[in-house]
C-alpha atoms as a PDB file:
ATOM      1  CA  MET A   1      73.501   0.583 -17.663  1.00  0.00           C
ATOM      2  CA  ASN A   2      74.770  -0.117 -21.160  1.00  0.00           C
ATOM      3  CA  ILE A   3      77.027   2.793 -22.142  1.00  0.00           C
ATOM      4  CA  LYS A   4      77.088   1.765 -25.815  1.00  0.00           C
ATOM      5  CA  PHE A   5      73.290   1.763 -26.013  1.00  0.00           C
ATOM      6  CA  LEU A   6      73.103   5.116 -24.249  1.00  0.00           C
ATOM      7  CA  PHE A   7      75.551   6.527 -26.801  1.00  0.00           C
ATOM      8  CA  LEU A   8      73.676   4.993 -29.764  1.00  0.00           C
ATOM      9  CA  ARG A   9      70.346   6.240 -28.463  1.00  0.00           C
ATOM     10  CA  PHE A  10      71.507   9.798 -29.073  1.00  0.00           C
ATOM     11  CA  LEU A  11      73.793   9.146 -32.057  1.00  0.00           C
ATOM     12  CA  LEU A  12      71.330   7.326 -34.303  1.00  0.00           C
ATOM     13  CA  VAL A  13      68.627   9.315 -36.069  1.00  0.00           C
ATOM     14  CA  ASP A  14      65.033   8.052 -36.128  1.00  0.00           C
ATOM     15  CA  ASN A  15      65.341   6.668 -39.664  1.00  0.00           C
ATOM     16  CA  THR A  16      68.225   4.467 -38.513  1.00  0.00           C
ATOM     17  CA  LYS A  17      66.143   3.099 -35.647  1.00  0.00           C
ATOM     18  CA  LYS A  18      63.219   2.477 -38.026  1.00  0.00           C
ATOM     19  CA  VAL A  19      65.488   0.551 -40.397  1.00  0.00           C
ATOM     20  CA  LEU A  20      66.792  -1.556 -37.505  1.00  0.00           C
ATOM     21  CA  SER A  21      63.223  -2.353 -36.496  1.00  0.00           C
ATOM     22  CA  TRP A  22      62.452  -3.261 -40.115  1.00  0.00           C
ATOM     23  CA  PHE A  23      65.351  -5.737 -40.108  1.00  0.00           C
ATOM     24  CA  GLU A  24      63.962  -7.282 -36.924  1.00  0.00           C
ATOM     25  CA  ALA A  25      60.545  -7.766 -38.502  1.00  0.00           C
ATOM     26  CA  GLY A  26      61.708  -8.798 -41.943  1.00  0.00           C
ATOM     27  CA  GLY A  27      64.537 -11.250 -41.501  1.00  0.00           C
ATOM     28  CA  LYS A  28      67.410 -11.418 -43.999  1.00  0.00           C
ATOM     29  CA  LYS A  29      67.347  -8.898 -46.831  1.00  0.00           C
ATOM     30  CA  SER A  30      69.655  -8.135 -49.739  1.00  0.00           C
ATOM     31  CA  ARG A  31      71.252  -4.717 -50.119  1.00  0.00           C
ATOM     32  CA  ALA A  32      69.105  -4.159 -53.232  1.00  0.00           C
ATOM     33  CA  GLU A  33      65.871  -4.979 -51.356  1.00  0.00           C
ATOM     34  CA  TYR A  34      66.885  -2.658 -48.550  1.00  0.00           C
ATOM     35  CA  ALA A  35      67.803   0.208 -50.877  1.00  0.00           C
ATOM     36  CA  GLN A  36      64.665  -0.156 -52.981  1.00  0.00           C
ATOM     37  CA  LEU A  37      62.277  -0.214 -50.022  1.00  0.00           C
ATOM     38  CA  TRP A  38      63.844   2.617 -48.057  1.00  0.00           C
ATOM     39  CA  ALA A  39      64.439   4.892 -51.061  1.00  0.00           C
ATOM     40  CA  GLU A  40      60.674   5.496 -50.993  1.00  0.00           C
ATOM     41  CA  SER A  41      60.780   6.776 -47.393  1.00  0.00           C
ATOM     42  CA  ILE A  42      64.218   8.401 -47.218  1.00  0.00           C
ATOM     43  CA  SER A  43      64.686  11.047 -49.888  1.00  0.00           C
ATOM     44  CA  LYS A  44      68.496  11.128 -49.905  1.00  0.00           C
ATOM     45  CA  PRO A  45      70.149   8.039 -51.460  1.00  0.00           C
ATOM     46  CA  ALA A  46      73.359   8.764 -49.543  1.00  0.00           C
ATOM     47  CA  GLU A  47      71.424   8.591 -46.259  1.00  0.00           C
ATOM     48  CA  VAL A  48      69.948   5.208 -47.210  1.00  0.00           C
ATOM     49  CA  GLU A  49      73.464   3.845 -47.769  1.00  0.00           C
ATOM     50  CA  GLU A  50      74.933   5.510 -44.675  1.00  0.00           C
ATOM     51  CA  ILE A  51      72.230   4.049 -42.417  1.00  0.00           C
ATOM     52  CA  LEU A  52      73.134   0.486 -43.401  1.00  0.00           C
ATOM     53  CA  LYS A  53      76.862   1.187 -42.978  1.00  0.00           C
ATOM     54  CA  THR A  54      76.233   2.670 -39.527  1.00  0.00           C
ATOM     55  CA  LEU A  55      74.135  -0.282 -38.359  1.00  0.00           C
ATOM     56  CA  ILE A  56      76.887  -2.662 -39.474  1.00  0.00           C
ATOM     57  CA  LYS A  57      79.642  -0.507 -37.937  1.00  0.00           C
ATOM     58  CA  TYR A  58      78.027  -0.635 -34.500  1.00  0.00           C
ATOM     59  CA  GLY A  59      77.208  -4.350 -34.680  1.00  0.00           C
ATOM     60  CA  LEU A  60      73.426  -3.968 -34.838  1.00  0.00           C
ATOM     61  CA  VAL A  61      73.149  -5.567 -38.296  1.00  0.00           C
ATOM     62  CA  ARG A  62      75.446  -8.096 -39.967  1.00  0.00           C
ATOM     63  CA  GLY A  63      75.956  -8.945 -43.601  1.00  0.00           C
ATOM     64  CA  LYS A  64      77.010 -12.193 -45.222  1.00  0.00           C
ATOM     65  CA  ASN A  65      76.828 -13.102 -48.918  1.00  0.00           C
ATOM     66  CA  ASN A  66      74.913  -9.884 -49.671  1.00  0.00           C
ATOM     67  CA  ARG A  67      72.228 -10.788 -47.099  1.00  0.00           C
ATOM     68  CA  TYR A  68      71.740  -8.556 -44.075  1.00  0.00           C
ATOM     69  CA  SER A  69      70.000  -9.306 -40.796  1.00  0.00           C
ATOM     70  CA  ILE A  70      69.683  -7.897 -37.300  1.00  0.00           C
ATOM     71  CA  THR A  71      72.093  -9.154 -34.645  1.00  0.00           C
ATOM     72  CA  GLN A  72      71.200 -10.098 -31.096  1.00  0.00           C
ATOM     73  CA  GLU A  73      72.787  -6.823 -30.029  1.00  0.00           C
ATOM     74  CA  GLY A  74      70.462  -5.043 -32.462  1.00  0.00           C
ATOM     75  CA  ARG A  75      67.451  -6.754 -30.874  1.00  0.00           C
ATOM     76  CA  ASP A  76      68.729  -5.851 -27.423  1.00  0.00           C
ATOM     77  CA  PHE A  77      69.151  -2.226 -28.503  1.00  0.00           C
ATOM     78  CA  LEU A  78      65.541  -2.051 -29.734  1.00  0.00           C
ATOM     79  CA  LYS A  79      64.424  -3.509 -26.415  1.00  0.00           C
ATOM     80  CA  TYR A  80      66.547  -0.915 -24.600  1.00  0.00           C
ATOM     81  CA  LEU A  81      64.821   1.827 -26.600  1.00  0.00           C
ATOM     82  CA  GLY A  82      61.416   0.440 -25.717  1.00  0.00           C
ATOM     83  CA  TRP A  83      60.599  -0.159 -29.375  1.00  0.00           C
ATOM     84  CA  ARG A  84      58.521  -3.146 -30.253  1.00  0.00           C
ATOM     85  CA  ARG A  85      57.914  -4.930 -33.484  1.00  0.00           C
ATOM     86  CA  GLN A  86      54.777  -3.900 -35.363  1.00  0.00           C
ATOM     87  CA  THR A  87      53.270  -5.182 -38.557  1.00  0.00           C
ATOM     88  CA  SER A  88      54.695  -3.252 -41.465  1.00  0.00           C
ATOM     89  CA  ASP A  89      53.518  -2.890 -45.007  1.00  0.00           C
ATOM     90  CA  VAL A  90      55.593  -4.238 -47.893  1.00  0.00           C
ATOM     91  CA  ARG A  91      57.459  -0.958 -48.359  1.00  0.00           C
ATOM     92  CA  GLY A  92      58.547  -0.842 -44.741  1.00  0.00           C
ATOM     93  CA  LYS A  93      56.765   2.457 -44.178  1.00  0.00           C
ATOM     94  CA  THR A  94      55.166   1.485 -40.885  1.00  0.00           C
ATOM     95  CA  SER A  95      57.827   1.734 -38.233  1.00  0.00           C
ATOM     96  CA  ALA A  96      58.120   0.369 -34.760  1.00  0.00           C
ATOM     97  CA  GLY A  97      56.303   2.275 -32.089  1.00  0.00           C
ATOM     98  CA  ARG A  98      57.097   3.099 -28.526  1.00  0.00           C
ATOM     99  CA  LYS A  99      55.765   0.937 -25.733  1.00  0.00           C
ATOM    100  CA  GLN A 100      52.815   2.460 -24.016  1.00  0.00           C
ATOM    101  CA  LYS A 101      53.238   3.207 -20.329  1.00  0.00           C
END
């Protein structure tokens, strides 16, 4: 059992998990691309910024030269959650779904 993943499962809100899934599907993104796309789905600008900071803080996303991408730990966390990658539209509005049992 991964204690960190168990903790994050309850700590992270759904929007944070959706953003992580979006990073998995979309590859490297700039902070501006991220903010622009998610501002359409998340009404509070402060929440958009806090989500990225949280993903970085817990090692699920990394940033280098203003480009952000999911880490292997981020991929492992999505797998732990049972989320799978789905095709998303350009705005990132389609999120990952749960695996069917």
